[in-house]
Amino acid sequence: MVDPFAVSACSDAASQEVRTRMPSANAVAVTKTDPSSAGDNRVSVSGEGTFAGVAGPSQTFTFQCTYDVKARTTSGVTVLL
């Protein structure tokens, strides 16, 4: 069973990373997630999303994140724009 908070926490972390790296990004949305067990009390979440720039069409990104079920924290957030 995958912790229900893992997808939400990793999606939020990935969205924040997009906003940090692309300050002009708006309408950041995670559109697909794929959670899986990553061993002792950890969940790996990979996914895809979109964001819009100030004067351009929507762009896509992919992400990877690990969620620690006990600590309720994310780590290893990687976003490819």
PDB file of N, CA and C in Angstrom:
ATOM      1  N   MET A   1       0.848  -1.193   0.000  1.00  0.00           N
ATOM      2  CA  MET A   1       0.000   0.000   0.000  1.00  0.00           C
ATOM      3  C   MET A   1       0.887   1.247   0.000  1.00  0.00           C
ATOM      4  N   VAL A   2       0.643   2.132  -0.926  1.00  0.00           N
ATOM      5  CA  VAL A   2       1.401   3.377  -1.027  1.00  0.00           C
ATOM      6  C   VAL A   2       0.743   4.428  -0.137  1.00  0.00           C
ATOM      7  N   ASP A   3       1.541   5.134   0.648  1.00  0.00           N
ATOM      8  CA  ASP A   3       1.027   6.187   1.526  1.00  0.00           C
ATOM      9  C   ASP A   3       0.308   7.245   0.681  1.00  0.00           C
ATOM     10  N   PRO A   4      -0.923   7.597   1.028  1.00  0.00           N
ATOM     11  CA  PRO A   4      -1.676   8.559   0.214  1.00  0.00           C
ATOM     12  C   PRO A   4      -1.065   9.957   0.196  1.00  0.00           C
ATOM     13  N   PHE A   5      -0.242  10.288   1.173  1.00  0.00           N
ATOM     14  CA  PHE A   5       0.385  11.604   1.211  1.00  0.00           C
ATOM     15  C   PHE A   5       1.602  11.698   0.293  1.00  0.00           C
ATOM     16  N   ALA A   6       2.141  10.570  -0.129  1.00  0.00           N
ATOM     17  CA  ALA A   6       3.356  10.564  -0.946  1.00  0.00           C
ATOM     18  C   ALA A   6       3.160  11.290  -2.275  1.00  0.00           C
ATOM     19  N   VAL A   7       2.080  10.983  -2.967  1.00  0.00           N
ATOM     20  CA  VAL A   7       1.818  11.609  -4.262  1.00  0.00           C
ATOM     21  C   VAL A   7       1.614  13.107  -4.095  1.00  0.00           C
ATOM     22  N   SER A   8       0.831  13.491  -3.114  1.00  0.00           N
ATOM     23  CA  SER A   8       0.568  14.906  -2.873  1.00  0.00           C
ATOM     24  C   SER A   8       1.839  15.666  -2.514  1.00  0.00           C
ATOM     25  N   ALA A   9       2.624  15.104  -1.595  1.00  0.00           N
ATOM     26  CA  ALA A   9       3.855  15.777  -1.157  1.00  0.00           C
ATOM     27  C   ALA A   9       4.861  15.902  -2.291  1.00  0.00           C
ATOM     28  N   CYS A  10       5.035  14.851  -3.071  1.00  0.00           N
ATOM     29  CA  CYS A  10       5.995  14.906  -4.174  1.00  0.00           C
ATOM     30  C   CYS A  10       5.499  15.806  -5.301  1.00  0.00           C
ATOM     31  N   SER A  11       4.203  15.797  -5.562  1.00  0.00           N
ATOM     32  CA  SER A  11       3.647  16.696  -6.578  1.00  0.00           C
ATOM     33  C   SER A  11       3.866  18.151  -6.171  1.00  0.00           C
ATOM     34  N   ASP A  12       3.621  18.451  -4.901  1.00  0.00           N
ATOM     35  CA  ASP A  12       3.843  19.814  -4.405  1.00  0.00           C
ATOM     36  C   ASP A  12       5.318  20.209  -4.494  1.00  0.00           C
ATOM     37  N   ALA A  13       6.198  19.289  -4.123  1.00  0.00           N
ATOM     38  CA  ALA A  13       7.636  19.573  -4.171  1.00  0.00           C
ATOM     39  C   ALA A  13       8.105  19.805  -5.607  1.00  0.00           C
ATOM     40  N   ALA A  14       7.609  19.000  -6.541  1.00  0.00           N
ATOM     41  CA  ALA A  14       7.988  19.174  -7.944  1.00  0.00           C
ATOM     42  C   ALA A  14       7.459  20.498  -8.492  1.00  0.00           C
ATOM     43  N   SER A  15       6.223  20.836  -8.159  1.00  0.00           N
ATOM     44  CA  SER A  15       5.648  22.107  -8.614  1.00  0.00           C
ATOM     45  C   SER A  15       6.444  23.283  -8.072  1.00  0.00           C
ATOM     46  N   GLN A  16       6.839  23.206  -6.819  1.00  0.00           N
ATOM     47  CA  GLN A  16       7.628  24.282  -6.219  1.00  0.00           C
ATOM     48  C   GLN A  16       8.993  24.406  -6.901  1.00  0.00           C
ATOM     49  N   GLU A  17       9.597  23.286  -7.244  1.00  0.00           N
ATOM     50  CA  GLU A  17      10.887  23.311  -7.932  1.00  0.00           C
ATOM     51  C   GLU A  17      10.757  23.973  -9.305  1.00  0.00           C
ATOM     52  N   VAL A  18       9.668  23.692 -10.020  1.00  0.00           N
ATOM     53  CA  VAL A  18       9.439  24.347 -11.311  1.00  0.00           C
ATOM     54  C   VAL A  18       9.343  25.855 -11.108  1.00  0.00           C
ATOM     55  N   ARG A  19       8.584  26.282 -10.111  1.00  0.00           N
ATOM     56  CA  ARG A  19       8.414  27.721  -9.850  1.00  0.00           C
ATOM     57  C   ARG A  19       9.732  28.384  -9.432  1.00  0.00           C
ATOM     58  N   THR A  20      10.555  27.655  -8.709  1.00  0.00           N
ATOM     59  CA  THR A  20      11.860  28.183  -8.286  1.00  0.00           C
ATOM     60  C   THR A  20      12.776  28.370  -9.486  1.00  0.00           C
ATOM     61  N   ARG A  21      12.799  27.383 -10.370  1.00  0.00           N
ATOM     62  CA  ARG A  21      13.695  27.443 -11.527  1.00  0.00           C
ATOM     63  C   ARG A  21      13.167  28.311 -12.657  1.00  0.00           C
ATOM     64  N   MET A  22      11.856  28.466 -12.730  1.00  0.00           N
ATOM     65  CA  MET A  22      11.214  29.258 -13.781  1.00  0.00           C
ATOM     66  C   MET A  22      10.252  30.241 -13.105  1.00  0.00           C
ATOM     67  N   PRO A  23      10.767  31.336 -12.562  1.00  0.00           N
ATOM     68  CA  PRO A  23       9.913  32.273 -11.817  1.00  0.00           C
ATOM     69  C   PRO A  23       8.719  32.797 -12.603  1.00  0.00           C
ATOM     70  N   SER A  24       8.805  32.811 -13.922  1.00  0.00           N
ATOM     71  CA  SER A  24       7.685  33.303 -14.731  1.00  0.00           C
ATOM     72  C   SER A  24       6.628  32.222 -14.980  1.00  0.00           C
ATOM     73  N   ALA A  25       6.867  31.010 -14.503  1.00  0.00           N
ATOM     74  CA  ALA A  25       5.915  29.919 -14.723  1.00  0.00           C
ATOM     75  C   ALA A  25       4.622  30.170 -13.959  1.00  0.00           C
ATOM     76  N   ASN A  26       3.520  29.906 -14.624  1.00  0.00           N
ATOM     77  CA  ASN A  26       2.239  29.959 -13.933  1.00  0.00           C
ATOM     78  C   ASN A  26       1.415  28.762 -14.363  1.00  0.00           C
ATOM     79  N   ALA A  27       0.340  28.534 -13.686  1.00  0.00           N
ATOM     80  CA  ALA A  27      -0.525  27.387 -13.979  1.00  0.00           C
ATOM     81  C   ALA A  27       0.264  26.081 -13.978  1.00  0.00           C
ATOM     82  N   VAL A  28       1.130  25.905 -12.976  1.00  0.00           N
ATOM     83  CA  VAL A  28       1.896  24.660 -12.855  1.00  0.00           C
ATOM     84  C   VAL A  28       0.942  23.557 -12.398  1.00  0.00           C
ATOM     85  N   ALA A  29       0.931  22.448 -13.125  1.00  0.00           N
ATOM     86  CA  ALA A  29       0.023  21.353 -12.787  1.00  0.00           C
ATOM     87  C   ALA A  29       0.701  20.011 -13.019  1.00  0.00           C
ATOM     88  N   VAL A  30       0.599  19.135 -12.050  1.00  0.00           N
ATOM     89  CA  VAL A  30       1.057  17.757 -12.216  1.00  0.00           C
ATOM     90  C   VAL A  30      -0.081  16.998 -12.866  1.00  0.00           C
ATOM     91  N   THR A  31       0.209  16.338 -13.982  1.00  0.00           N
ATOM     92  CA  THR A  31      -0.840  15.681 -14.763  1.00  0.00           C
ATOM     93  C   THR A  31      -0.816  14.159 -14.677  1.00  0.00           C
ATOM     94  N   LYS A  32       0.297  13.599 -14.210  1.00  0.00           N
ATOM     95  CA  LYS A  32       0.415  12.141 -14.136  1.00  0.00           C
ATOM     96  C   LYS A  32       1.386  11.789 -13.029  1.00  0.00           C
ATOM     97  N   THR A  33       1.053  10.777 -12.226  1.00  0.00           N
ATOM     98  CA  THR A  33       1.973  10.302 -11.185  1.00  0.00           C
ATOM     99  C   THR A  33       2.013   8.784 -11.197  1.00  0.00           C
ATOM    100  N   ASP A  34       3.141   8.261 -10.773  1.00  0.00           N
ATOM    101  CA  ASP A  34       3.328   6.813 -10.706  1.00  0.00           C
ATOM    102  C   ASP A  34       4.081   6.483  -9.419  1.00  0.00           C
ATOM    103  N   PRO A  35       3.359   6.256  -8.318  1.00  0.00           N
ATOM    104  CA  PRO A  35       4.025   5.919  -7.055  1.00  0.00           C
ATOM    105  C   PRO A  35       4.379   4.440  -6.985  1.00  0.00           C
ATOM    106  N   SER A  36       5.486   4.142  -6.303  1.00  0.00           N
ATOM    107  CA  SER A  36       5.867   2.749  -6.079  1.00  0.00           C
ATOM    108  C   SER A  36       6.685   2.655  -4.803  1.00  0.00           C
ATOM    109  N   SER A  37       6.665   1.505  -4.191  1.00  0.00           N
ATOM    110  CA  SER A  37       7.428   1.295  -2.965  1.00  0.00           C
ATOM    111  C   SER A  37       8.921   1.372  -3.278  1.00  0.00           C
ATOM    112  N   ALA A  38       9.652   2.049  -2.398  1.00  0.00           N
ATOM    113  CA  ALA A  38      11.101   2.188  -2.595  1.00  0.00           C
ATOM    114  C   ALA A  38      11.866   1.621  -1.409  1.00  0.00           C
ATOM    115  N   GLY A  39      11.296   0.641  -0.740  1.00  0.00           N
ATOM    116  CA  GLY A  39      11.977   0.030   0.394  1.00  0.00           C
ATOM    117  C   GLY A  39      11.402   0.494   1.713  1.00  0.00           C
ATOM    118  N   ASP A  40      12.205   0.376   2.748  1.00  0.00           N
ATOM    119  CA  ASP A  40      11.774   0.662   4.110  1.00  0.00           C
ATOM    120  C   ASP A  40      11.163   2.046   4.269  1.00  0.00           C
ATOM    121  N   ASN A  41       9.851   2.077   4.410  1.00  0.00           N
ATOM    122  CA  ASN A  41       9.121   3.308   4.703  1.00  0.00           C
ATOM    123  C   ASN A  41       9.356   4.434   3.697  1.00  0.00           C
ATOM    124  N   ARG A  42       9.664   4.088   2.458  1.00  0.00           N
ATOM    125  CA  ARG A  42       9.877   5.104   1.430  1.00  0.00           C
ATOM    126  C   ARG A  42       9.013   4.796   0.213  1.00  0.00           C
ATOM    127  N   VAL A  43       8.565   5.867  -0.419  1.00  0.00           N
ATOM    128  CA  VAL A  43       7.774   5.746  -1.646  1.00  0.00           C
ATOM    129  C   VAL A  43       8.460   6.591  -2.709  1.00  0.00           C
ATOM    130  N   SER A  44       8.659   6.011  -3.865  1.00  0.00           N
ATOM    131  CA  SER A  44       9.209   6.737  -5.002  1.00  0.00           C
ATOM    132  C   SER A  44       8.037   7.185  -5.873  1.00  0.00           C
ATOM    133  N   VAL A  45       8.046   8.459  -6.248  1.00  0.00           N
ATOM    134  CA  VAL A  45       6.981   8.986  -7.100  1.00  0.00           C
ATOM    135  C   VAL A  45       7.633   9.624  -8.322  1.00  0.00           C
ATOM    136  N   SER A  46       7.235   9.171  -9.484  1.00  0.00           N
ATOM    137  CA  SER A  46       7.657   9.823 -10.722  1.00  0.00           C
ATOM    138  C   SER A  46       6.405  10.362 -11.390  1.00  0.00           C
ATOM    139  N   GLY A  47       6.593  11.357 -12.239  1.00  0.00           N
ATOM    140  CA  GLY A  47       5.413  11.919 -12.875  1.00  0.00           C
ATOM    141  C   GLY A  47       5.726  12.939 -13.936  1.00  0.00           C
ATOM    142  N   GLU A  48       4.653  13.539 -14.437  1.00  0.00           N
ATOM    143  CA  GLU A  48       4.736  14.540 -15.491  1.00  0.00           C
ATOM    144  C   GLU A  48       3.828  15.704 -15.143  1.00  0.00           C
ATOM    145  N   GLY A  49       4.110  16.838 -15.757  1.00  0.00           N
ATOM    146  CA  GLY A  49       3.261  17.999 -15.536  1.00  0.00           C
ATOM    147  C   GLY A  49       3.434  19.026 -16.626  1.00  0.00           C
ATOM    148  N   THR A  50       2.674  20.106 -16.505  1.00  0.00           N
ATOM    149  CA  THR A  50       2.739  21.199 -17.465  1.00  0.00           C
ATOM    150  C   THR A  50       2.797  22.530 -16.724  1.00  0.00           C
ATOM    151  N   PHE A  51       3.293  23.536 -17.422  1.00  0.00           N
ATOM    152  CA  PHE A  51       3.254  24.894 -16.903  1.00  0.00           C
ATOM    153  C   PHE A  51       3.244  25.848 -18.091  1.00  0.00           C
ATOM    154  N   ALA A  52       2.748  27.038 -17.845  1.00  0.00           N
ATOM    155  CA  ALA A  52       2.702  28.059 -18.891  1.00  0.00           C
ATOM    156  C   ALA A  52       3.693  29.153 -18.545  1.00  0.00           C
ATOM    157  N   GLY A  53       4.374  29.650 -19.565  1.00  0.00           N
ATOM    158  CA  GLY A  53       5.258  30.788 -19.393  1.00  0.00           C
ATOM    159  C   GLY A  53       4.470  32.072 -19.597  1.00  0.00           C
ATOM    160  N   VAL A  54       5.117  33.195 -19.384  1.00  0.00           N
ATOM    161  CA  VAL A  54       4.436  34.481 -19.522  1.00  0.00           C
ATOM    162  C   VAL A  54       3.927  34.700 -20.943  1.00  0.00           C
ATOM    163  N   ALA A  55       4.760  34.416 -21.926  1.00  0.00           N
ATOM    164  CA  ALA A  55       4.369  34.721 -23.307  1.00  0.00           C
ATOM    165  C   ALA A  55       4.582  33.536 -24.235  1.00  0.00           C
ATOM    166  N   GLY A  56       4.272  32.364 -23.765  1.00  0.00           N
ATOM    167  CA  GLY A  56       4.510  31.216 -24.614  1.00  0.00           C
ATOM    168  C   GLY A  56       3.511  30.109 -24.371  1.00  0.00           C
ATOM    169  N   PRO A  57       3.609  29.079 -25.180  1.00  0.00           N
ATOM    170  CA  PRO A  57       2.698  27.944 -25.027  1.00  0.00           C
ATOM    171  C   PRO A  57       3.058  27.118 -23.788  1.00  0.00           C
ATOM    172  N   SER A  58       2.185  26.228 -23.414  1.00  0.00           N
ATOM    173  CA  SER A  58       2.450  25.333 -22.292  1.00  0.00           C
ATOM    174  C   SER A  58       3.693  24.497 -22.554  1.00  0.00           C
ATOM    175  N   GLN A  59       4.428  24.252 -21.496  1.00  0.00           N
ATOM    176  CA  GLN A  59       5.613  23.411 -21.566  1.00  0.00           C
ATOM    177  C   GLN A  59       5.416  22.240 -20.614  1.00  0.00           C
ATOM    178  N   THR A  60       6.156  21.179 -20.854  1.00  0.00           N
ATOM    179  CA  THR A  60       6.018  19.995 -20.008  1.00  0.00           C
ATOM    180  C   THR A  60       7.265  19.804 -19.150  1.00  0.00           C
ATOM    181  N   PHE A  61       7.101  19.050 -18.075  1.00  0.00           N
ATOM    182  CA  PHE A  61       8.225  18.650 -17.238  1.00  0.00           C
ATOM    183  C   PHE A  61       7.969  17.248 -16.707  1.00  0.00           C
ATOM    184  N   THR A  62       9.048  16.592 -16.326  1.00  0.00           N
ATOM    185  CA  THR A  62       8.953  15.307 -15.648  1.00  0.00           C
ATOM    186  C   THR A  62       9.645  15.443 -14.305  1.00  0.00           C
ATOM    187  N   PHE A  63       9.289  14.570 -13.365  1.00  0.00           N
ATOM    188  CA  PHE A  63       9.913  14.646 -12.052  1.00  0.00           C
ATOM    189  C   PHE A  63      10.057  13.276 -11.408  1.00  0.00           C
ATOM    190  N   GLN A  64      10.924  13.230 -10.426  1.00  0.00           N
ATOM    191  CA  GLN A  64      11.173  12.048  -9.598  1.00  0.00           C
ATOM    192  C   GLN A  64      11.337  12.549  -8.175  1.00  0.00           C
ATOM    193  N   CYS A  65      10.824  11.823  -7.213  1.00  0.00           N
ATOM    194  CA  CYS A  65      10.877  12.256  -5.821  1.00  0.00           C
ATOM    195  C   CYS A  65      10.783  11.027  -4.917  1.00  0.00           C
ATOM    196  N   THR A  66      11.374  11.115  -3.752  1.00  0.00           N
ATOM    197  CA  THR A  66      11.238  10.062  -2.746  1.00  0.00           C
ATOM    198  C   THR A  66      10.551  10.657  -1.523  1.00  0.00           C
ATOM    199  N   TYR A  67       9.588   9.928  -0.992  1.00  0.00           N
ATOM    200  CA  TYR A  67       8.840  10.360   0.184  1.00  0.00           C
ATOM    201  C   TYR A  67       9.118   9.398   1.325  1.00  0.00           C
ATOM    202  N   ASP A  68       9.495   9.937   2.474  1.00  0.00           N
ATOM    203  CA  ASP A  68       9.743   9.141   3.680  1.00  0.00           C
ATOM    204  C   ASP A  68       8.451   9.109   4.491  1.00  0.00           C
ATOM    205  N   VAL A  69       7.848   7.937   4.599  1.00  0.00           N
ATOM    206  CA  VAL A  69       6.558   7.783   5.248  1.00  0.00           C
ATOM    207  C   VAL A  69       6.631   8.133   6.737  1.00  0.00           C
ATOM    208  N   LYS A  70       7.687   7.708   7.417  1.00  0.00           N
ATOM    209  CA  LYS A  70       7.807   7.981   8.857  1.00  0.00           C
ATOM    210  C   LYS A  70       8.076   9.447   9.141  1.00  0.00           C
ATOM    211  N   ALA A  71       9.022  10.043   8.420  1.00  0.00           N
ATOM    212  CA  ALA A  71       9.392  11.443   8.658  1.00  0.00           C
ATOM    213  C   ALA A  71       8.414  12.416   7.981  1.00  0.00           C
ATOM    214  N   ARG A  72       7.622  11.895   7.027  1.00  0.00           N
ATOM    215  CA  ARG A  72       6.697  12.720   6.242  1.00  0.00           C
ATOM    216  C   ARG A  72       7.427  13.863   5.533  1.00  0.00           C
ATOM    217  N   THR A  73       8.546  13.508   4.901  1.00  0.00           N
ATOM    218  CA  THR A  73       9.342  14.493   4.160  1.00  0.00           C
ATOM    219  C   THR A  73       9.666  13.964   2.774  1.00  0.00           C
ATOM    220  N   THR A  74       9.960  14.895   1.873  1.00  0.00           N
ATOM    221  CA  THR A  74      10.406  14.540   0.527  1.00  0.00           C
ATOM    222  C   THR A  74      11.905  14.731   0.431  1.00  0.00           C
ATOM    223  N   SER A  75      12.511  14.010  -0.498  1.00  0.00           N
ATOM    224  CA  SER A  75      13.938  14.184  -0.766  1.00  0.00           C
ATOM    225  C   SER A  75      14.205  13.771  -2.208  1.00  0.00           C
ATOM    226  N   GLY A  76      15.366  14.164  -2.685  1.00  0.00           N
ATOM    227  CA  GLY A  76      15.766  13.764  -4.029  1.00  0.00           C
ATOM    228  C   GLY A  76      14.818  14.233  -5.121  1.00  0.00           C
ATOM    229  N   VAL A  77      14.268  15.436  -4.947  1.00  0.00           N
ATOM    230  CA  VAL A  77      13.338  15.966  -5.952  1.00  0.00           C
ATOM    231  C   VAL A  77      14.139  16.382  -7.182  1.00  0.00           C
ATOM    232  N   THR A  78      13.877  15.724  -8.297  1.00  0.00           N
ATOM    233  CA  THR A  78      14.552  16.019  -9.558  1.00  0.00           C
ATOM    234  C   THR A  78      13.492  16.394 -10.588  1.00  0.00           C
ATOM    235  N   VAL A  79      13.679  17.554 -11.206  1.00  0.00           N
ATOM    236  CA  VAL A  79      12.733  18.020 -12.225  1.00  0.00           C
ATOM    237  C   VAL A  79      13.504  18.253 -13.514  1.00  0.00           C
ATOM    238  N   LEU A  80      12.998  17.698 -14.600  1.00  0.00           N
ATOM    239  CA  LEU A  80      13.575  17.940 -15.925  1.00  0.00           C
ATOM    240  C   LEU A  80      12.588  18.791 -16.711  1.00  0.00           C
ATOM    241  N   LEU A  81      13.057  19.976 -17.113  1.00  0.00           N
ATOM    242  CA  LEU A  81      12.209  20.903 -17.873  1.00  0.00           C
ATOM    243  C   LEU A  81      12.385  20.692 -19.354  1.00  0.00           C
TER     244      LEU A  81
END
